[in-house]
Amino acid sequence: MKHKGSCHCGQIAFEVEGEFDRAMECNCSHCSRKGYLLSFVPRAQLEIKTNVGVSTYTFNRHVIEHQFCSNCGCAPYGFGKDSKGRETAAINLRCLEGIDLGALKRTAVDGRSF
């Protein structure tokens, strides 16, 4: 199923293919401060429609490229690689249209220990 997503002001818009009924809730300093609810998909499943003013933030081991809007500050997705070296996209489920966040099964991730 395709889902539409965007940053708050709409300068970043995208579609992503997937079934999103689960989310990772990471306790690292970045994810916990921003309240991310993440789901990882193969990079090919993310289609960027517009990315005006997109900026990139990396931290710690610099393996995930967190993409955020330089206008509204919203961070809808990031890029990285899985353990086998395949390109992935980390989707911030809070930025998808029509997702019932309360119905998501949340999995705690101890990112502080990475």
N, C-alpha and C. Protein backbone atom coordinates (compact mmCIF):
# COMPACT_ATOMS: atom_id res chain seq x y z
N MET A 1 0.83 -1.17 0.00
CA MET A 1 0.00 0.00 0.00
C MET A 1 0.88 1.24 0.00
N LYS A 2 0.54 2.23 -0.83
CA LYS A 2 1.28 3.49 -0.88
C LYS A 2 0.69 4.49 0.10
N HIS A 3 1.59 5.16 0.80
CA HIS A 3 1.20 6.20 1.76
C HIS A 3 1.86 7.50 1.35
N LYS A 4 1.13 8.59 1.51
CA LYS A 4 1.68 9.92 1.28
C LYS A 4 2.18 10.48 2.59
N GLY A 5 3.27 11.25 2.48
CA GLY A 5 3.82 11.89 3.66
C GLY A 5 4.46 13.21 3.30
N SER A 6 4.73 14.00 4.33
CA SER A 6 5.36 15.31 4.10
C SER A 6 5.89 15.86 5.41
N CYS A 7 6.66 16.94 5.26
CA CYS A 7 7.02 17.73 6.42
C CYS A 7 5.80 18.61 6.75
N HIS A 8 5.89 19.42 7.78
CA HIS A 8 4.74 20.22 8.20
C HIS A 8 4.34 21.26 7.17
N CYS A 9 5.31 21.94 6.54
CA CYS A 9 4.99 23.02 5.60
C CYS A 9 4.78 22.53 4.17
N GLY A 10 5.13 21.27 3.88
CA GLY A 10 4.91 20.69 2.57
C GLY A 10 6.04 20.85 1.58
N GLN A 11 7.15 21.46 1.99
CA GLN A 11 8.29 21.59 1.07
C GLN A 11 8.94 20.24 0.79
N ILE A 12 8.79 19.30 1.70
CA ILE A 12 9.24 17.93 1.49
C ILE A 12 7.99 17.06 1.40
N ALA A 13 7.82 16.37 0.29
CA ALA A 13 6.68 15.48 0.11
C ALA A 13 7.19 14.17 -0.49
N PHE A 14 6.54 13.07 -0.10
CA PHE A 14 7.00 11.76 -0.55
C PHE A 14 5.86 10.76 -0.52
N GLU A 15 6.10 9.63 -1.16
CA GLU A 15 5.23 8.46 -1.06
C GLU A 15 6.11 7.29 -0.67
N VAL A 16 5.54 6.40 0.12
CA VAL A 16 6.28 5.22 0.55
C VAL A 16 5.36 4.01 0.49
N GLU A 17 5.92 2.93 0.00
CA GLU A 17 5.20 1.67 -0.13
C GLU A 17 5.44 0.84 1.12
N GLY A 18 4.35 0.35 1.72
CA GLY A 18 4.51 -0.51 2.88
C GLY A 18 3.26 -0.61 3.72
N GLU A 19 3.27 -1.60 4.60
CA GLU A 19 2.21 -1.78 5.58
C GLU A 19 2.80 -1.33 6.92
N PHE A 20 2.23 -0.31 7.49
CA PHE A 20 2.80 0.27 8.70
C PHE A 20 1.86 0.07 9.88
N ASP A 21 2.04 -1.07 10.56
CA ASP A 21 1.26 -1.35 11.76
C ASP A 21 2.16 -1.46 12.99
N ARG A 22 3.46 -1.33 12.76
CA ARG A 22 4.46 -1.41 13.84
C ARG A 22 5.40 -0.22 13.73
N ALA A 23 5.93 0.19 14.86
CA ALA A 23 6.89 1.29 14.89
C ALA A 23 7.99 1.00 15.90
N MET A 24 9.17 1.47 15.56
CA MET A 24 10.28 1.41 16.50
C MET A 24 10.31 2.73 17.25
N GLU A 25 10.42 2.64 18.57
CA GLU A 25 10.51 3.82 19.41
C GLU A 25 11.86 3.77 20.11
N CYS A 26 12.78 4.57 19.60
CA CYS A 26 14.18 4.54 20.04
C CYS A 26 14.39 5.54 21.19
N ASN A 27 15.24 5.18 22.13
CA ASN A 27 15.52 6.05 23.26
C ASN A 27 16.83 6.83 23.13
N CYS A 28 17.43 6.85 21.93
CA CYS A 28 18.66 7.63 21.77
C CYS A 28 18.34 9.11 21.95
N SER A 29 19.37 9.92 22.14
CA SER A 29 19.17 11.34 22.42
C SER A 29 18.42 12.06 21.30
N HIS A 30 18.64 11.66 20.07
CA HIS A 30 17.99 12.32 18.93
C HIS A 30 16.52 11.90 18.80
N CYS A 31 16.27 10.61 18.72
CA CYS A 31 14.90 10.11 18.52
C CYS A 31 13.98 10.47 19.67
N SER A 32 14.48 10.37 20.90
CA SER A 32 13.60 10.65 22.04
C SER A 32 13.25 12.13 22.12
N ARG A 33 14.19 13.01 21.78
CA ARG A 33 13.89 14.45 21.80
C ARG A 33 12.87 14.84 20.72
N LYS A 34 12.92 14.14 19.58
CA LYS A 34 12.02 14.48 18.47
C LYS A 34 10.75 13.64 18.45
N GLY A 35 10.68 12.61 19.27
CA GLY A 35 9.47 11.80 19.35
C GLY A 35 9.23 10.91 18.15
N TYR A 36 10.30 10.49 17.50
CA TYR A 36 10.16 9.65 16.31
C TYR A 36 9.45 8.33 16.60
N LEU A 37 8.63 7.93 15.66
CA LEU A 37 8.10 6.57 15.57
C LEU A 37 8.54 6.10 14.19
N LEU A 38 9.48 5.17 14.13
CA LEU A 38 10.16 4.82 12.88
C LEU A 38 9.79 3.44 12.36
N SER A 39 9.84 3.35 11.05
CA SER A 39 9.75 2.07 10.36
C SER A 39 10.77 2.11 9.23
N PHE A 40 11.54 1.05 9.09
CA PHE A 40 12.56 0.98 8.06
C PHE A 40 12.04 0.18 6.86
N VAL A 41 12.28 0.71 5.66
CA VAL A 41 11.88 0.05 4.41
C VAL A 41 13.07 0.09 3.46
N PRO A 42 13.11 -0.79 2.46
CA PRO A 42 14.13 -0.67 1.43
C PRO A 42 14.04 0.71 0.77
N ARG A 43 15.16 1.31 0.48
CA ARG A 43 15.21 2.66 -0.08
C ARG A 43 14.36 2.80 -1.34
N ALA A 44 14.29 1.76 -2.13
CA ALA A 44 13.52 1.80 -3.38
C ALA A 44 12.03 1.99 -3.15
N GLN A 45 11.54 1.75 -1.93
CA GLN A 45 10.11 1.91 -1.63
C GLN A 45 9.74 3.35 -1.31
N LEU A 46 10.72 4.23 -1.21
CA LEU A 46 10.48 5.64 -0.92
C LEU A 46 10.66 6.45 -2.19
N GLU A 47 9.63 7.17 -2.57
CA GLU A 47 9.68 8.04 -3.74
C GLU A 47 9.53 9.49 -3.27
N ILE A 48 10.57 10.27 -3.46
CA ILE A 48 10.53 11.67 -3.06
C ILE A 48 9.88 12.48 -4.16
N LYS A 49 8.83 13.20 -3.80
CA LYS A 49 8.08 14.02 -4.75
C LYS A 49 8.66 15.44 -4.81
N THR A 50 8.91 16.05 -3.67
CA THR A 50 9.56 17.36 -3.60
C THR A 50 10.50 17.35 -2.40
N ASN A 51 11.59 18.05 -2.53
CA ASN A 51 12.52 18.17 -1.40
C ASN A 51 13.18 19.54 -1.39
N VAL A 52 12.35 20.56 -1.50
CA VAL A 52 12.83 21.95 -1.45
C VAL A 52 13.35 22.22 -0.04
N GLY A 53 14.55 22.73 0.07
CA GLY A 53 15.08 23.12 1.37
C GLY A 53 15.42 21.97 2.30
N VAL A 54 15.66 20.79 1.74
CA VAL A 54 16.00 19.65 2.60
C VAL A 54 17.43 19.82 3.13
N SER A 55 17.61 19.50 4.39
CA SER A 55 18.92 19.52 5.03
C SER A 55 19.17 18.15 5.64
N THR A 56 20.43 17.86 5.94
CA THR A 56 20.82 16.56 6.48
C THR A 56 21.51 16.74 7.82
N TYR A 57 21.18 15.85 8.75
CA TYR A 57 21.83 15.85 10.05
C TYR A 57 22.31 14.44 10.35
N THR A 58 23.56 14.31 10.77
CA THR A 58 24.10 13.03 11.23
C THR A 58 24.71 13.25 12.61
N PHE A 59 24.79 12.18 13.38
CA PHE A 59 25.42 12.28 14.70
C PHE A 59 25.95 10.91 15.09
N ASN A 60 26.60 10.85 16.22
CA ASN A 60 27.16 9.62 16.77
C ASN A 60 28.06 8.93 15.74
N ARG A 61 27.66 7.81 15.19
CA ARG A 61 28.49 7.08 14.21
C ARG A 61 28.30 7.58 12.78
N HIS A 62 27.42 8.54 12.58
CA HIS A 62 27.16 9.15 11.26
C HIS A 62 26.73 8.13 10.20
N VAL A 63 25.92 7.17 10.60
CA VAL A 63 25.48 6.14 9.65
C VAL A 63 24.07 6.37 9.13
N ILE A 64 23.28 7.21 9.80
CA ILE A 64 21.95 7.56 9.32
C ILE A 64 21.95 9.04 8.94
N GLU A 65 21.50 9.31 7.73
CA GLU A 65 21.39 10.69 7.25
C GLU A 65 19.95 11.15 7.49
N HIS A 66 19.71 11.81 8.60
CA HIS A 66 18.38 12.30 8.93
C HIS A 66 18.09 13.51 8.05
N GLN A 67 17.01 13.44 7.29
CA GLN A 67 16.61 14.52 6.39
C GLN A 67 15.55 15.36 7.08
N PHE A 68 15.72 16.70 7.03
CA PHE A 68 14.73 17.56 7.66
C PHE A 68 14.54 18.81 6.82
N CYS A 69 13.41 19.45 7.01
CA CYS A 69 13.06 20.65 6.27
C CYS A 69 13.72 21.87 6.92
N SER A 70 14.44 22.64 6.13
CA SER A 70 15.09 23.83 6.67
C SER A 70 14.10 24.94 6.96
N ASN A 71 12.86 24.80 6.50
CA ASN A 71 11.83 25.81 6.76
C ASN A 71 11.07 25.51 8.06
N CYS A 72 10.46 24.33 8.16
CA CYS A 72 9.62 24.02 9.33
C CYS A 72 10.32 23.13 10.37
N GLY A 73 11.46 22.52 9.98
CA GLY A 73 12.22 21.70 10.92
C GLY A 73 11.77 20.26 11.04
N CYS A 74 10.68 19.90 10.40
CA CYS A 74 10.14 18.55 10.48
C CYS A 74 11.08 17.56 9.77
N ALA A 75 11.23 16.38 10.35
CA ALA A 75 12.13 15.36 9.82
C ALA A 75 11.35 14.11 9.43
N PRO A 76 10.92 14.00 8.17
CA PRO A 76 10.04 12.90 7.78
C PRO A 76 10.73 11.57 7.47
N TYR A 77 12.01 11.58 7.14
CA TYR A 77 12.70 10.33 6.82
C TYR A 77 14.21 10.51 6.94
N GLY A 78 14.90 9.39 6.88
CA GLY A 78 16.36 9.38 6.88
C GLY A 78 16.85 8.23 6.01
N PHE A 79 18.12 8.25 5.71
CA PHE A 79 18.72 7.22 4.87
C PHE A 79 19.85 6.52 5.60
N GLY A 80 19.96 5.22 5.36
CA GLY A 80 21.03 4.44 5.95
C GLY A 80 21.19 3.13 5.22
N LYS A 81 21.85 2.19 5.88
CA LYS A 81 22.04 0.84 5.33
C LYS A 81 21.73 -0.16 6.42
N ASP A 82 21.17 -1.29 5.99
CA ASP A 82 20.90 -2.35 6.97
C ASP A 82 22.19 -3.12 7.25
N SER A 83 22.09 -4.16 8.07
CA SER A 83 23.28 -4.92 8.48
C SER A 83 23.96 -5.65 7.33
N LYS A 84 23.25 -5.80 6.20
CA LYS A 84 23.82 -6.45 5.02
C LYS A 84 24.29 -5.44 3.98
N GLY A 85 24.25 -4.15 4.32
CA GLY A 85 24.73 -3.12 3.41
C GLY A 85 23.72 -2.62 2.40
N ARG A 86 22.46 -3.04 2.52
CA ARG A 86 21.42 -2.60 1.58
C ARG A 86 20.90 -1.23 1.98
N GLU A 87 20.63 -0.39 0.98
CA GLU A 87 20.10 0.96 1.19
C GLU A 87 18.71 0.89 1.83
N THR A 88 18.51 1.66 2.90
CA THR A 88 17.22 1.69 3.58
C THR A 88 16.76 3.13 3.77
N ALA A 89 15.49 3.27 4.06
CA ALA A 89 14.91 4.55 4.44
C ALA A 89 14.21 4.36 5.78
N ALA A 90 14.50 5.25 6.71
CA ALA A 90 13.82 5.26 8.00
C ALA A 90 12.68 6.26 7.89
N ILE A 91 11.46 5.77 7.96
CA ILE A 91 10.29 6.62 7.79
C ILE A 91 9.75 7.03 9.16
N ASN A 92 9.59 8.33 9.36
CA ASN A 92 8.97 8.84 10.58
C ASN A 92 7.46 8.73 10.38
N LEU A 93 6.86 7.73 11.00
CA LEU A 93 5.44 7.44 10.77
C LEU A 93 4.53 8.59 11.19
N ARG A 94 5.02 9.49 12.02
CA ARG A 94 4.24 10.67 12.40
C ARG A 94 4.02 11.61 11.21
N CYS A 95 4.78 11.43 10.14
CA CYS A 95 4.68 12.30 8.97
C CYS A 95 3.84 11.70 7.85
N LEU A 96 3.24 10.53 8.07
CA LEU A 96 2.40 9.90 7.06
C LEU A 96 0.94 10.28 7.26
N GLU A 97 0.22 10.44 6.17
CA GLU A 97 -1.21 10.73 6.23
C GLU A 97 -1.98 9.45 6.55
N GLY A 98 -3.00 9.58 7.38
CA GLY A 98 -3.92 8.47 7.62
C GLY A 98 -3.43 7.35 8.49
N ILE A 99 -2.33 7.54 9.20
CA ILE A 99 -1.83 6.49 10.10
C ILE A 99 -2.42 6.71 11.49
N ASP A 100 -3.00 5.68 12.06
CA ASP A 100 -3.52 5.74 13.42
C ASP A 100 -2.37 5.44 14.37
N LEU A 101 -1.73 6.47 14.88
CA LEU A 101 -0.54 6.29 15.72
C LEU A 101 -0.83 5.50 16.99
N GLY A 102 -2.05 5.64 17.52
CA GLY A 102 -2.42 4.91 18.72
C GLY A 102 -2.55 3.41 18.51
N ALA A 103 -2.78 3.00 17.27
CA ALA A 103 -2.96 1.58 16.97
C ALA A 103 -1.64 0.87 16.65
N LEU A 104 -0.56 1.62 16.51
CA LEU A 104 0.73 1.02 16.17
C LEU A 104 1.26 0.17 17.32
N LYS A 105 1.77 -1.00 16.98
CA LYS A 105 2.49 -1.80 17.96
C LYS A 105 3.90 -1.21 18.04
N ARG A 106 4.26 -0.75 19.21
CA ARG A 106 5.56 -0.08 19.39
C ARG A 106 6.59 -1.03 19.99
N THR A 107 7.76 -1.01 19.37
CA THR A 107 8.88 -1.81 19.85
C THR A 107 9.95 -0.86 20.38
N ALA A 108 10.29 -1.01 21.65
CA ALA A 108 11.34 -0.17 22.24
C ALA A 108 12.71 -0.60 21.71
N VAL A 109 13.51 0.38 21.34
CA VAL A 109 14.87 0.14 20.86
C VAL A 109 15.82 0.93 21.77
N ASP A 110 16.83 0.24 22.28
CA ASP A 110 17.80 0.89 23.19
C ASP A 110 18.93 1.53 22.39
N GLY A 111 18.59 2.59 21.68
CA GLY A 111 19.58 3.30 20.87
C GLY A 111 20.67 3.98 21.68
N ARG A 112 20.41 4.25 22.95
CA ARG A 112 21.43 4.88 23.80
C ARG A 112 22.64 3.98 23.97
N SER A 113 22.43 2.68 23.76
CA SER A 113 23.52 1.72 23.95
C SER A 113 24.31 1.45 22.67
N PHE A 114 23.91 2.02 21.55
CA PHE A 114 24.61 1.77 20.28
C PHE A 114 25.94 2.47 20.26
